[in-house]
């Protein structure tokens, strides 16, 4: 069905273009736009030197392009009520929504006449051929801890790799200096607890937020040192969530998760960080969902405020 929708949309666009080109009765070929080759998870793609109508199909790509100063013409809805992560609302105001991460609307994407589509193999491998029929499409392999590599790939597709490298260098230098100011990082174990509907997750070194904490230089609790995204625990296993400092977030409204019951429960109150008053609630939008340099910079802002 998606193929039929995409094909119909493409056919309509092609007919419209043909009608415009035939108006003067000449057979002149359109001016060829210069392109360059970008290597990515699905192979190689010829992209315009300066894409002007970009569609992004994940939050990390939206973070990347807006951080580079580009407003895309379309983006998928983020898994929040407004459809845009709060920290991206200003830079992405007014863009067209093209479905969700799990179900991009191919007809809507085609109607925007993009000249570049950005996503990942993890999210949309099964749609790659259909997306490529609409516009040059560049995919990262996956998401999460590889956000820096993905940022550089997106920037390469946009012809802005030098700027992206400078931004990453500045971010890493800032993170390193923050760690130096805080000091004794090996003695500060930072735990990340995310409350989901019917789940409690401890985010590990293999996650986006895990890499940001690594860049600053924090130690992590034993169970969170694994090179994976997260470890799921039950309310009875809360001892694994302990650390010198605990940062918590909730996916969606806290009342729709186990957070209120857990925090009011006796086991939570036995954690050393809780007893020491070193628990901080943070925004799920940029600590967990953003997965990009804009989000990473905001995490550093939060850490600076907390450890100042």
Protein backbone atom coordinates (compact mmCIF):
# COMPACT_ATOMS: atom_id res chain seq x y z
CA UNK A 1 0.00 0.00 0.00
CA UNK A 2 2.83 2.39 0.85
CA UNK A 3 4.40 1.70 -2.56
CA UNK A 4 1.11 2.55 -4.30
CA UNK A 5 0.73 5.78 -2.35
CA UNK A 6 4.32 6.83 -2.99
CA UNK A 7 4.07 5.92 -6.66
CA UNK A 8 0.85 7.88 -7.06
CA UNK A 9 2.34 10.91 -5.36
CA UNK A 10 5.46 10.73 -7.49
CA UNK A 11 3.39 10.35 -10.62
CA UNK A 12 1.37 13.44 -9.80
CA UNK A 13 4.51 15.45 -9.16
CA UNK A 14 6.06 14.24 -12.41
CA UNK A 15 2.95 15.21 -14.40
CA UNK A 16 2.93 18.64 -12.82
CA UNK A 17 6.58 19.17 -13.70
CA UNK A 18 6.02 17.95 -17.25
CA UNK A 19 3.14 20.38 -17.72
CA UNK A 20 5.27 23.32 -16.63
CA UNK A 21 8.16 22.35 -18.88
CA UNK A 22 5.97 22.04 -21.98
CA UNK A 23 4.32 25.46 -21.72
CA UNK A 24 6.67 27.20 -24.21
CA UNK A 25 6.61 24.36 -26.72
CA UNK A 26 10.37 23.81 -26.47
CA UNK A 27 12.26 20.70 -25.55
CA UNK A 28 14.98 22.36 -23.47
CA UNK A 29 16.58 20.19 -20.81
CA UNK A 30 16.56 21.62 -17.29
CA UNK A 31 19.84 22.88 -15.93
CA UNK A 32 21.68 20.05 -14.26
CA UNK A 33 22.23 20.60 -10.57
CA UNK A 34 25.72 19.66 -9.38
CA UNK A 35 25.83 16.76 -6.94
CA UNK A 36 28.30 14.86 -4.81
CA UNK A 37 28.47 11.28 -3.61
CA UNK A 38 27.72 10.42 0.02
CA UNK A 39 28.51 6.97 1.39
CA UNK A 40 26.13 5.73 4.08
CA UNK A 41 24.53 2.63 5.60
CA UNK A 42 22.60 1.71 2.44
CA UNK A 43 25.40 2.34 -0.08
CA UNK A 44 26.15 5.55 -1.93
CA UNK A 45 23.82 8.37 -2.95
CA UNK A 46 24.21 11.41 -5.17
CA UNK A 47 22.97 14.45 -3.27
CA UNK A 48 22.75 18.12 -4.26
CA UNK A 49 25.70 20.24 -3.20
CA UNK A 50 23.37 22.50 -1.23
CA UNK A 51 20.11 20.73 -0.36
CA UNK A 52 17.32 23.23 0.25
CA UNK A 53 14.28 21.07 1.00
CA UNK A 54 15.24 18.55 3.66
CA UNK A 55 12.92 16.01 5.30
CA UNK A 56 14.03 14.28 8.52
CA UNK A 57 12.53 11.08 9.87
CA UNK A 58 13.87 10.89 13.42
CA UNK A 59 14.56 13.18 16.36
CA UNK A 60 18.33 12.88 16.00
CA UNK A 61 18.20 14.10 12.42
CA UNK A 62 15.96 17.02 13.39
CA UNK A 63 18.43 17.96 16.12
CA UNK A 64 21.30 17.70 13.64
CA UNK A 65 19.88 19.88 10.88
CA UNK A 66 18.51 22.57 13.19
CA UNK A 67 21.82 22.68 15.08
CA UNK A 68 23.47 23.39 11.73
CA UNK A 69 21.08 26.28 11.15
CA UNK A 70 18.76 24.57 8.68
CA UNK A 71 14.98 24.41 9.04
CA UNK A 72 13.69 21.27 7.31
CA UNK A 73 10.52 21.37 5.26
CA UNK A 74 9.21 18.23 6.95
CA UNK A 75 9.77 16.00 9.97
CA UNK A 76 8.06 13.09 11.66
CA UNK A 77 6.23 13.65 14.91
CA UNK A 78 8.27 12.98 18.03
CA UNK A 79 6.61 10.75 20.67
CA UNK A 80 5.36 13.75 22.67
CA UNK A 81 1.97 15.49 22.67
CA UNK A 82 3.07 18.51 20.61
CA UNK A 83 4.93 16.40 18.05
CA UNK A 84 8.12 18.41 18.66
CA UNK A 85 10.58 17.99 21.49
CA UNK A 86 10.34 21.09 23.65
CA UNK A 87 13.89 22.27 23.05
CA UNK A 88 13.34 22.09 19.26
CA UNK A 89 10.01 23.94 19.15
CA UNK A 90 11.54 27.32 18.31
CA UNK A 91 13.96 26.18 15.59
CA UNK A 92 11.45 23.78 14.03
CA UNK A 93 8.35 25.95 14.29
CA UNK A 94 6.02 25.72 11.31
CA UNK A 95 7.51 22.67 9.64
CA UNK A 96 5.18 20.09 8.11
CA UNK A 97 4.59 16.86 10.02
CA UNK A 98 5.02 13.78 7.83
CA UNK A 99 3.68 10.98 10.00
CA UNK A 100 5.45 9.33 12.91
CA UNK A 101 8.83 7.67 13.34
CA UNK A 102 7.22 4.25 13.04
CA UNK A 103 4.91 5.24 10.16
CA UNK A 104 6.20 8.04 7.93
CA UNK A 105 3.60 9.33 5.47
CA UNK A 106 5.18 8.78 2.06
CA UNK A 107 2.52 10.72 0.18
CA UNK A 108 3.03 13.73 2.43
CA UNK A 109 6.81 13.48 2.08
CA UNK A 110 6.54 13.39 -1.71
CA UNK A 111 4.20 16.40 -1.73
CA UNK A 112 6.92 18.50 -0.07
CA UNK A 113 9.24 17.84 -3.03
CA UNK A 114 12.33 17.29 -0.87
CA UNK A 115 15.82 17.23 -2.33
CA UNK A 116 17.23 15.24 0.63
CA UNK A 117 15.78 12.76 3.13
CA UNK A 118 17.66 11.81 6.32
CA UNK A 119 17.00 8.84 8.62
CA UNK A 120 18.60 5.56 9.70
CA UNK A 121 18.66 1.94 8.63
CA UNK A 122 17.48 0.97 12.10
CA UNK A 123 14.29 2.99 11.74
CA UNK A 124 13.37 2.75 8.07
CA UNK A 125 15.37 0.11 6.21
CA UNK A 126 12.17 -1.35 4.75
CA UNK A 127 11.21 2.04 3.28
CA UNK A 128 14.56 2.95 1.78
CA UNK A 129 13.68 2.15 -1.85
CA UNK A 130 10.41 4.07 -1.67
CA UNK A 131 12.05 7.05 -0.01
CA UNK A 132 14.88 7.02 -2.55
CA UNK A 133 12.29 7.16 -5.33
CA UNK A 134 11.08 10.44 -3.82
CA UNK A 135 14.46 12.11 -3.20
CA UNK A 136 18.12 11.33 -2.49
CA UNK A 137 18.06 9.47 0.83
CA UNK A 138 20.93 9.09 3.30
CA UNK A 139 20.74 6.63 6.20
CA UNK A 140 22.90 6.24 9.29
CA UNK A 141 23.30 2.64 10.47
CA UNK A 142 21.65 3.04 13.88
CA UNK A 143 20.97 5.61 16.62
CA UNK A 144 22.03 6.29 20.19
CA UNK A 145 25.67 6.22 21.21
CA UNK A 146 26.79 6.82 17.60
CA UNK A 147 25.14 10.25 17.56
CA UNK A 148 28.42 12.02 16.78
CA UNK A 149 29.06 9.87 13.71
CA UNK A 150 25.45 10.40 12.64
CA UNK A 151 25.80 14.16 13.04
CA UNK A 152 28.85 14.16 10.78
CA UNK A 153 27.03 12.00 8.21
CA UNK A 154 24.02 14.31 8.15
CA UNK A 155 26.36 17.29 7.86
CA UNK A 156 28.22 15.61 5.00
CA UNK A 157 24.93 15.15 3.16
CA UNK A 158 24.20 18.84 3.72
CA UNK A 159 27.66 19.96 2.63
CA UNK A 160 28.42 21.24 6.14
CA UNK A 161 30.87 18.69 7.53
CA UNK A 162 33.54 21.25 8.47
CA UNK A 163 31.03 23.20 10.55
CA UNK A 164 29.83 20.00 12.22
CA UNK A 165 33.38 18.97 13.14
CA UNK A 166 34.00 22.40 14.68
CA UNK A 167 30.79 22.11 16.68
CA UNK A 168 31.73 18.65 17.96
CA UNK A 169 35.21 19.83 18.89
CA UNK A 170 33.72 22.74 20.85
CA UNK A 171 31.23 20.44 22.59
CA UNK A 172 33.92 17.93 23.60
CA UNK A 173 36.20 20.68 24.87
CA UNK A 174 33.33 22.12 26.91
CA UNK A 175 32.52 18.69 28.38
CA UNK A 176 36.15 18.09 29.28
CA UNK A 177 36.50 21.49 30.96
CA UNK A 178 33.27 20.92 32.88
CA UNK A 179 34.71 17.68 34.22
CA UNK A 180 37.89 19.46 35.26
CA UNK A 181 35.90 22.12 37.13
CA UNK A 182 33.80 19.54 38.96
CA UNK A 183 36.90 17.51 39.88
CA UNK A 184 37.25 14.06 41.48
CA UNK A 185 34.98 12.55 38.83
CA UNK A 186 36.17 9.04 39.61
CA UNK A 187 34.54 9.45 43.01
CA UNK A 188 31.20 10.64 41.63
CA UNK A 189 29.01 7.78 40.44
CA UNK A 190 26.12 9.10 38.33
CA UNK A 191 23.02 6.94 37.88
CA UNK A 192 20.35 7.45 35.21
CA UNK A 193 16.85 6.21 35.96
CA UNK A 194 14.10 6.51 33.36
CA UNK A 195 10.52 5.68 34.24
CA UNK A 196 8.51 4.21 31.36
CA UNK A 197 4.94 2.94 31.30
CA UNK A 198 5.31 -0.51 32.92
CA UNK A 199 9.14 -0.29 32.93
CA UNK A 200 12.04 1.11 34.91
CA UNK A 201 15.21 1.55 32.88
CA UNK A 202 18.76 2.27 34.00
CA UNK A 203 20.61 3.90 31.10
CA UNK A 204 24.09 2.55 30.49
CA UNK A 205 27.28 3.62 28.70
CA UNK A 206 25.98 2.42 25.34
CA UNK A 207 23.27 5.10 25.20
CA UNK A 208 23.28 8.68 23.94
CA UNK A 209 23.18 10.05 27.48
CA UNK A 210 25.84 7.55 28.53
CA UNK A 211 28.25 9.03 26.00
CA UNK A 212 27.62 12.56 27.29
CA UNK A 213 28.43 11.50 30.85
CA UNK A 214 31.54 9.74 29.53
CA UNK A 215 32.61 12.92 27.75
CA UNK A 216 32.47 14.78 31.06
CA UNK A 217 34.26 11.89 32.81
CA UNK A 218 31.77 10.69 35.41
CA UNK A 219 31.96 7.24 36.97
CA UNK A 220 28.90 4.99 36.63
CA UNK A 221 27.27 2.41 38.93
CA UNK A 222 28.35 -1.18 38.12
CA UNK A 223 25.20 -2.24 36.27
CA UNK A 224 25.32 0.90 34.11
CA UNK A 225 28.88 0.35 32.89
CA UNK A 226 27.70 -2.10 30.24
CA UNK A 227 28.09 -1.19 26.58
CA UNK A 228 24.36 -1.34 25.97
CA UNK A 229 21.58 1.20 25.89
CA UNK A 230 19.77 0.34 29.10
CA UNK A 231 19.11 -2.33 31.70
CA UNK A 232 15.54 -2.97 32.75
CA UNK A 233 14.93 -3.48 36.46
CA UNK A 234 11.91 -4.17 38.62
CA UNK A 235 10.85 -2.08 41.59
CA UNK A 236 12.36 -4.79 43.79
CA UNK A 237 15.78 -4.29 42.12
CA UNK A 238 16.07 -0.58 42.85
CA UNK A 239 19.36 -1.05 44.69
CA UNK A 240 20.95 -1.29 41.23
CA UNK A 241 19.86 2.29 40.59
CA UNK A 242 21.89 3.75 43.44
CA UNK A 243 24.80 6.11 42.92
CA UNK A 244 26.30 9.23 44.43
CA UNK A 245 23.88 11.22 42.26
CA UNK A 246 20.70 10.01 40.56
CA UNK A 247 19.11 11.77 37.59
CA UNK A 248 15.55 10.70 36.79
CA UNK A 249 13.24 11.31 33.85
CA UNK A 250 9.88 9.99 32.73
CA UNK A 251 8.75 9.04 29.25
CA UNK A 252 5.47 10.89 28.94
CA UNK A 253 3.47 12.12 31.95
CA UNK A 254 4.99 10.83 35.18
CA UNK A 255 1.54 9.77 36.36
CA UNK A 256 1.35 7.26 33.51
CA UNK A 257 4.53 5.52 34.72
CA UNK A 258 5.52 3.80 37.95
CA UNK A 259 7.47 6.87 39.05
CA UNK A 260 5.04 8.18 41.73
CA UNK A 261 4.65 4.75 43.33
CA UNK A 262 8.37 3.96 43.20
CA UNK A 263 9.47 7.29 44.68
CA UNK A 264 6.87 7.00 47.44
CA UNK A 265 7.90 3.42 48.20
CA UNK A 266 10.21 2.18 50.96
CA UNK A 267 12.94 0.76 48.69
CA UNK A 268 13.56 4.08 46.92
CA UNK A 269 14.08 5.74 50.28
CA UNK A 270 16.86 3.30 51.16
CA UNK A 271 19.08 4.50 48.29
CA UNK A 272 22.11 6.48 49.44
CA UNK A 273 21.59 9.23 46.85
CA UNK A 274 17.98 9.65 47.99
CA UNK A 275 18.99 9.83 51.64
CA UNK A 276 21.67 12.40 50.78
CA UNK A 277 19.19 14.52 48.82
CA UNK A 278 21.11 14.03 45.58
CA UNK A 279 18.29 13.15 43.20
CA UNK A 280 17.47 15.46 40.31
CA UNK A 281 14.59 15.24 37.82
CA UNK A 282 15.57 16.20 34.26
CA UNK A 283 13.85 16.65 30.91
CA UNK A 284 13.28 13.42 29.02
CA UNK A 285 13.21 15.45 25.80
CA UNK A 286 16.89 16.32 25.70
CA UNK A 287 18.34 13.72 28.07
CA UNK A 288 16.76 10.75 26.29
CA UNK A 289 14.87 11.61 23.11
CA UNK A 290 16.92 14.29 21.36
CA UNK A 291 20.00 12.19 20.56
CA UNK A 292 21.98 15.01 18.99
CA UNK A 293 24.47 17.77 19.61
CA UNK A 294 21.77 20.29 20.53
CA UNK A 295 20.48 17.92 23.21
CA UNK A 296 24.02 17.15 24.40
CA UNK A 297 24.77 20.84 24.91
CA UNK A 298 21.58 21.19 26.99
CA UNK A 299 22.61 18.22 29.13
CA UNK A 300 25.90 20.01 29.81
CA UNK A 301 23.87 23.09 30.80
CA UNK A 302 21.96 20.96 33.32
CA UNK A 303 25.13 19.38 34.70
CA UNK A 304 26.75 22.78 35.11
CA UNK A 305 23.76 24.02 37.11
CA UNK A 306 23.62 20.93 39.29
CA UNK A 307 27.33 20.68 40.06
CA UNK A 308 28.02 24.43 40.23
